[in-house]
Amino acid sequence: MDGDDVPRLSRSPDEIFRDFRGRRAGIIKALTTDVEKFYRMCDPEKENLCLYGFPNETWEVNLPAEEVPPELPEPALGINFARDGMDEKDWLALVAVHSDSWLLGVAFYFGARFGFDKDSRMRLYNMINSLPTIFEVVTGTTTKKQSRDKNANGSSKSNKSSSKKKLAEPQKPSKMLPPRNDDDHSREEDEVDDQEHENTLCGACGDNYAHDEFWICCDVCEKWFHGKCVKVTPARAEHIKHYKCPSCSNNKRARV
């Protein structure tokens, strides 16, 4: 990796956390919305390959750094070797787990490098821990848990039925959340949606639901996505009867 990738001016936990979030977002893209491209790049015939996430929310598959010791801790080596020997979902989950470990290693490497004290390290950890892990985003673990919790909560059932009535309009996907309207007529229904989805996470970027953004739910895996993350606009969604996210759309691709 290039030494310029290191945030040399970073000193505070907040700056290191921004670095963490950018790298995390890049890796999540590789394992969800860009999964077909990522799969092709991890050719088992190539040498040891690593998945890198960068602070600008991009990713790349590349060889490990040549210098010893490297500028930053290295991701897991040889992720490509296991690609064809495992079920794809299991392989992606394995890469996700190792990526979570790498991100923590990088963040606390910076913490040590910049002399964080106990309070600063705890602040950094708490900010990181507020986000779901890459493994949870890729496998849908968090979404499934939230669904179970809501089903177990009797009060949420009435909210869910109200939401379904609103979303079951003709020519709309079965699950779609438009940005909130500010007029009095729709405010009450919008508040119901906010309550139901306040802990929902985007399956692409892993961020929480926001009432001022368009969201859409995959009819196959039932994960929610920001429209901008999967390149679906409200106008386009109007003509989609059954929406499939990029991961589910690519799930049946032919392999050599």
Protein backbone atom coordinates (compact mmCIF):
# COMPACT_ATOMS: atom_id res chain seq x y z
CA MET A 1 0.00 0.00 0.00
CA ASP A 2 1.03 3.57 -0.60
CA GLY A 3 2.33 5.50 2.39
CA ASP A 4 0.09 8.44 1.42
CA ASP A 5 -2.85 6.30 2.57
CA VAL A 6 -1.87 6.96 6.19
CA PRO A 7 -3.69 9.95 7.77
CA ARG A 8 -0.51 11.65 9.02
CA LEU A 9 -2.36 14.65 10.39
CA SER A 10 -4.89 12.61 12.33
CA ARG A 11 -4.62 13.01 16.06
CA SER A 12 -8.10 12.77 17.59
CA PRO A 13 -10.37 9.72 18.00
CA ASP A 14 -12.93 11.45 15.75
CA GLU A 15 -10.43 11.71 12.90
CA ILE A 16 -9.40 8.07 13.27
CA PHE A 17 -13.07 7.09 13.35
CA ARG A 18 -13.69 8.95 10.06
CA ASP A 19 -10.79 7.01 8.58
CA PHE A 20 -12.33 3.78 9.93
CA ARG A 21 -15.76 4.57 8.48
CA GLY A 22 -14.35 5.35 5.05
CA ARG A 23 -12.38 2.11 4.88
CA ARG A 24 -15.35 0.15 6.21
CA ALA A 25 -17.70 1.65 3.59
CA GLY A 26 -15.27 0.71 0.81
CA ILE A 27 -15.05 -2.91 1.95
CA ILE A 28 -18.82 -3.17 2.34
CA LYS A 29 -19.20 -2.00 -1.26
CA ALA A 30 -16.79 -4.71 -2.41
CA LEU A 31 -18.75 -7.42 -0.59
CA THR A 32 -22.27 -6.21 -1.50
CA THR A 33 -22.96 -3.82 -4.38
CA ASP A 34 -19.66 -4.57 -6.18
CA VAL A 35 -19.59 -8.27 -5.30
CA GLU A 36 -19.51 -9.52 -8.91
CA LYS A 37 -16.44 -7.42 -9.69
CA PHE A 38 -14.82 -8.44 -6.41
CA TYR A 39 -15.49 -12.12 -7.14
CA ARG A 40 -13.79 -11.90 -10.56
CA MET A 41 -10.75 -10.13 -9.16
CA CYS A 42 -10.14 -12.84 -6.53
CA ASP A 43 -8.84 -15.38 -9.05
CA PRO A 44 -7.38 -18.40 -7.20
CA GLU A 45 -4.74 -18.71 -9.95
CA LYS A 46 -3.14 -15.44 -8.85
CA GLU A 47 -0.74 -14.92 -5.98
CA ASN A 48 -1.71 -14.01 -2.41
CA LEU A 49 -4.29 -11.24 -2.65
CA CYS A 50 -5.67 -8.85 -0.03
CA LEU A 51 -8.83 -6.73 0.15
CA TYR A 52 -8.01 -3.12 1.04
CA GLY A 53 -10.47 -0.41 2.05
CA PHE A 54 -9.47 3.25 1.76
CA PRO A 55 -10.56 6.37 3.67
CA ASN A 56 -12.32 7.74 0.57
CA GLU A 57 -14.77 4.78 0.61
CA THR A 58 -13.11 2.91 -2.25
CA TRP A 59 -11.58 -0.57 -2.29
CA GLU A 60 -9.09 -2.66 -4.22
CA VAL A 61 -7.82 -6.22 -4.39
CA ASN A 62 -4.04 -6.22 -4.53
CA LEU A 63 -0.85 -7.95 -3.46
CA PRO A 64 0.46 -7.25 0.04
CA ALA A 65 2.97 -4.46 0.61
CA GLU A 66 6.55 -5.32 -0.27
CA GLU A 67 8.23 -3.43 2.56
CA VAL A 68 8.74 -5.10 5.94
CA PRO A 69 7.29 -3.99 8.24
CA PRO A 70 4.48 -2.43 6.18
CA GLU A 71 3.25 1.14 6.71
CA LEU A 72 -0.07 -0.21 8.02
CA PRO A 73 -1.16 -3.61 9.38
CA GLU A 74 -1.90 -5.94 6.46
CA PRO A 75 -5.31 -7.50 5.68
CA ALA A 76 -5.66 -11.28 5.55
CA LEU A 77 -3.48 -12.77 2.81
CA GLY A 78 -4.69 -15.20 0.18
CA ILE A 79 -8.43 -14.55 0.31
CA ASN A 80 -8.58 -15.64 -3.34
CA PHE A 81 -7.34 -19.18 -2.63
CA ALA A 82 -10.53 -20.14 -0.78
CA ARG A 83 -12.93 -18.64 -3.31
CA ASP A 84 -13.78 -21.78 -5.30
CA GLY A 85 -13.49 -24.19 -2.37
CA MET A 86 -16.37 -22.68 -0.38
CA ASP A 87 -19.97 -21.68 -0.85
CA GLU A 88 -19.94 -18.07 -2.03
CA LYS A 89 -21.90 -16.75 0.95
CA ASP A 90 -19.56 -18.53 3.36
CA TRP A 91 -16.54 -17.17 1.52
CA LEU A 92 -17.84 -13.61 1.61
CA ALA A 93 -18.62 -14.00 5.30
CA LEU A 94 -15.06 -15.22 5.92
CA VAL A 95 -13.60 -12.23 4.08
CA ALA A 96 -15.93 -9.97 6.06
CA VAL A 97 -14.72 -11.36 9.40
CA HIS A 98 -11.07 -10.88 8.48
CA SER A 99 -11.85 -7.38 7.20
CA ASP A 100 -13.46 -6.49 10.54
CA SER A 101 -10.30 -7.65 12.29
CA TRP A 102 -8.12 -5.62 9.94
CA LEU A 103 -10.13 -2.43 10.42
CA LEU A 104 -9.82 -2.71 14.19
CA GLY A 105 -6.10 -3.36 13.83
CA VAL A 106 -5.63 -0.27 11.66
CA ALA A 107 -7.68 1.97 13.94
CA PHE A 108 -5.83 1.02 17.11
CA TYR A 109 -2.49 1.08 15.30
CA PHE A 110 -3.21 4.77 14.73
CA GLY A 111 -4.29 5.07 18.35
CA ALA A 112 -0.92 3.73 19.50
CA ARG A 113 0.99 5.74 16.94
CA PHE A 114 -0.63 8.99 18.02
CA GLY A 115 -0.31 8.26 21.73
CA PHE A 116 -3.97 7.84 22.68
CA ASP A 117 -4.58 7.57 26.41
CA LYS A 118 -7.15 5.26 28.02
CA ASP A 119 -10.04 7.70 27.58
CA SER A 120 -9.20 8.34 23.91
CA ARG A 121 -8.95 4.62 23.20
CA MET A 122 -12.30 4.03 24.89
CA ARG A 123 -13.91 6.85 22.91
CA LEU A 124 -12.58 5.40 19.66
CA TYR A 125 -13.80 1.92 20.58
CA ASN A 126 -17.27 3.17 21.50
CA MET A 127 -17.65 5.01 18.20
CA ILE A 128 -16.55 1.91 16.28
CA ASN A 129 -18.82 -0.30 18.35
CA SER A 130 -21.82 1.89 17.49
CA LEU A 131 -21.66 0.55 13.92
CA PRO A 132 -22.56 -2.99 12.86
CA THR A 133 -19.62 -5.12 11.81
CA ILE A 134 -18.98 -5.85 8.15
CA PHE A 135 -19.85 -9.46 8.91
CA GLU A 136 -23.27 -8.38 10.24
CA VAL A 137 -23.93 -6.24 7.16
CA VAL A 138 -22.83 -8.92 4.66
CA THR A 139 -24.69 -11.81 6.32
CA GLY A 140 -27.74 -9.80 7.34
CA THR A 141 -27.29 -10.84 10.98
CA THR A 142 -28.34 -7.45 12.32
CA THR A 143 -31.38 -7.23 10.04
CA LYS A 144 -32.56 -10.70 11.08
CA LYS A 145 -32.16 -9.88 14.76
CA GLN A 146 -34.10 -6.65 14.38
CA SER A 147 -36.86 -8.54 12.58
CA ARG A 148 -37.09 -11.10 15.38
CA ASP A 149 -37.17 -8.35 18.00
CA LYS A 150 -39.97 -6.53 16.20
CA ASN A 151 -42.01 -9.71 15.80
CA ALA A 152 -41.65 -10.37 19.52
CA ASN A 153 -42.85 -6.86 20.36
CA GLY A 154 -46.63 -6.69 20.21
CA SER A 155 -46.71 -2.93 19.84
CA SER A 156 -44.69 -3.06 16.65
CA LYS A 157 -47.23 -5.31 14.92
CA SER A 158 -49.78 -2.52 14.59
CA ASN A 159 -47.09 -0.22 13.19
CA LYS A 160 -46.10 -2.87 10.66
CA SER A 161 -49.66 -3.41 9.46
CA SER A 162 -50.14 0.34 9.03
CA SER A 163 -46.93 0.58 7.07
CA LYS A 164 -47.89 -2.29 4.79
CA LYS A 165 -51.13 -0.55 3.86
CA LYS A 166 -49.20 2.53 2.84
CA LEU A 167 -46.62 0.62 0.82
CA ALA A 168 -49.03 -1.65 -1.02
CA GLU A 169 -49.87 0.87 -3.71
CA PRO A 170 -50.13 -0.25 -7.38
CA GLN A 171 -46.93 -0.46 -9.45
CA LYS A 172 -44.66 0.06 -6.44
CA PRO A 173 -42.21 -2.51 -5.12
CA SER A 174 -43.62 -4.43 -2.17
CA LYS A 175 -41.34 -2.52 0.18
CA MET A 176 -40.38 1.06 -0.51
CA LEU A 177 -39.87 4.12 1.68
CA PRO A 178 -39.93 7.54 -0.02
CA PRO A 179 -38.45 10.63 1.65
CA ARG A 180 -40.70 12.14 4.29
CA ASN A 181 -43.25 14.75 3.24
CA ASP A 182 -43.64 17.72 5.55
CA ASP A 183 -47.34 18.34 4.97
CA ASP A 184 -49.74 17.65 7.86
CA HIS A 185 -51.69 15.00 5.97
CA SER A 186 -48.73 12.58 5.68
CA ARG A 187 -46.83 13.44 8.85
CA GLU A 188 -48.56 10.83 11.03
CA GLU A 189 -47.85 7.98 8.59
CA ASP A 190 -44.25 9.14 8.19
CA GLU A 191 -43.76 9.01 11.94
CA VAL A 192 -44.97 5.39 11.91
CA ASP A 193 -42.36 4.56 9.25
CA ASP A 194 -39.65 6.33 11.25
CA GLN A 195 -40.46 4.33 14.37
CA GLU A 196 -40.45 1.03 12.53
CA HIS A 197 -37.26 1.64 10.60
CA GLU A 198 -35.23 3.78 12.99
CA ASN A 199 -32.80 0.89 13.65
CA THR A 200 -32.74 -0.38 10.07
CA LEU A 201 -29.33 -0.48 8.40
CA CYS A 202 -28.52 -0.10 4.72
CA GLY A 203 -27.31 -3.41 3.29
CA ALA A 204 -24.78 -1.57 1.13
CA CYS A 205 -23.18 1.11 3.30
CA GLY A 206 -24.29 -0.08 6.74
CA ASP A 207 -25.60 3.33 7.85
CA ASN A 208 -28.89 3.84 9.69
CA TYR A 209 -32.25 4.73 8.19
CA ALA A 210 -32.79 8.45 7.65
CA HIS A 211 -36.29 9.82 7.10
CA ASP A 212 -35.14 12.30 4.45
CA GLU A 213 -33.70 9.65 2.11
CA PHE A 214 -35.38 7.23 -0.29
CA TRP A 215 -35.08 3.56 0.74
CA ILE A 216 -35.99 0.31 -0.99
CA CYS A 217 -36.13 -3.28 0.26
CA CYS A 218 -35.00 -6.35 -1.67
CA ASP A 219 -37.85 -8.83 -2.15
CA VAL A 220 -35.40 -11.75 -1.99
CA CYS A 221 -33.04 -11.16 0.96
CA GLU A 222 -35.33 -8.54 2.61
CA LYS A 223 -32.45 -6.15 3.27
CA TRP A 224 -33.08 -2.40 3.06
CA PHE A 225 -30.91 -0.12 0.92
CA HIS A 226 -30.48 3.60 0.36
CA GLY A 227 -31.74 4.24 -3.15
CA LYS A 228 -28.51 6.09 -3.93
CA CYS A 229 -26.41 3.07 -2.80
CA VAL A 230 -28.09 0.72 -5.30
CA LYS A 231 -28.70 3.40 -7.95
CA VAL A 232 -32.51 3.25 -7.78
CA THR A 233 -34.46 6.50 -7.89
CA PRO A 234 -38.05 6.92 -6.64
CA ALA A 235 -39.20 7.39 -10.23
CA ARG A 236 -37.54 4.17 -11.35
CA ALA A 237 -38.89 2.29 -8.34
CA GLU A 238 -42.43 3.15 -9.37
CA HIS A 239 -42.07 0.68 -12.26
CA ILE A 240 -40.36 -2.14 -10.35
CA LYS A 241 -42.79 -4.84 -9.23
CA HIS A 242 -40.24 -7.08 -7.49
CA TYR A 243 -36.91 -5.53 -6.58
CA LYS A 244 -33.69 -7.59 -6.37
CA CYS A 245 -30.58 -6.03 -4.86
CA PRO A 246 -27.22 -6.35 -6.69
CA SER A 247 -26.14 -9.32 -4.55
CA CYS A 248 -29.32 -11.28 -5.19
CA SER A 249 -29.31 -10.36 -8.89
CA ASN A 250 -25.77 -11.72 -9.24
CA ASN A 251 -26.40 -14.81 -7.11
CA LYS A 252 -27.18 -16.99 -10.12
CA ARG A 253 -24.35 -15.88 -12.36
CA ALA A 254 -22.57 -18.59 -14.29
CA ARG A 255 -19.18 -19.70 -13.07
CA VAL A 256 -16.42 -21.34 -15.02
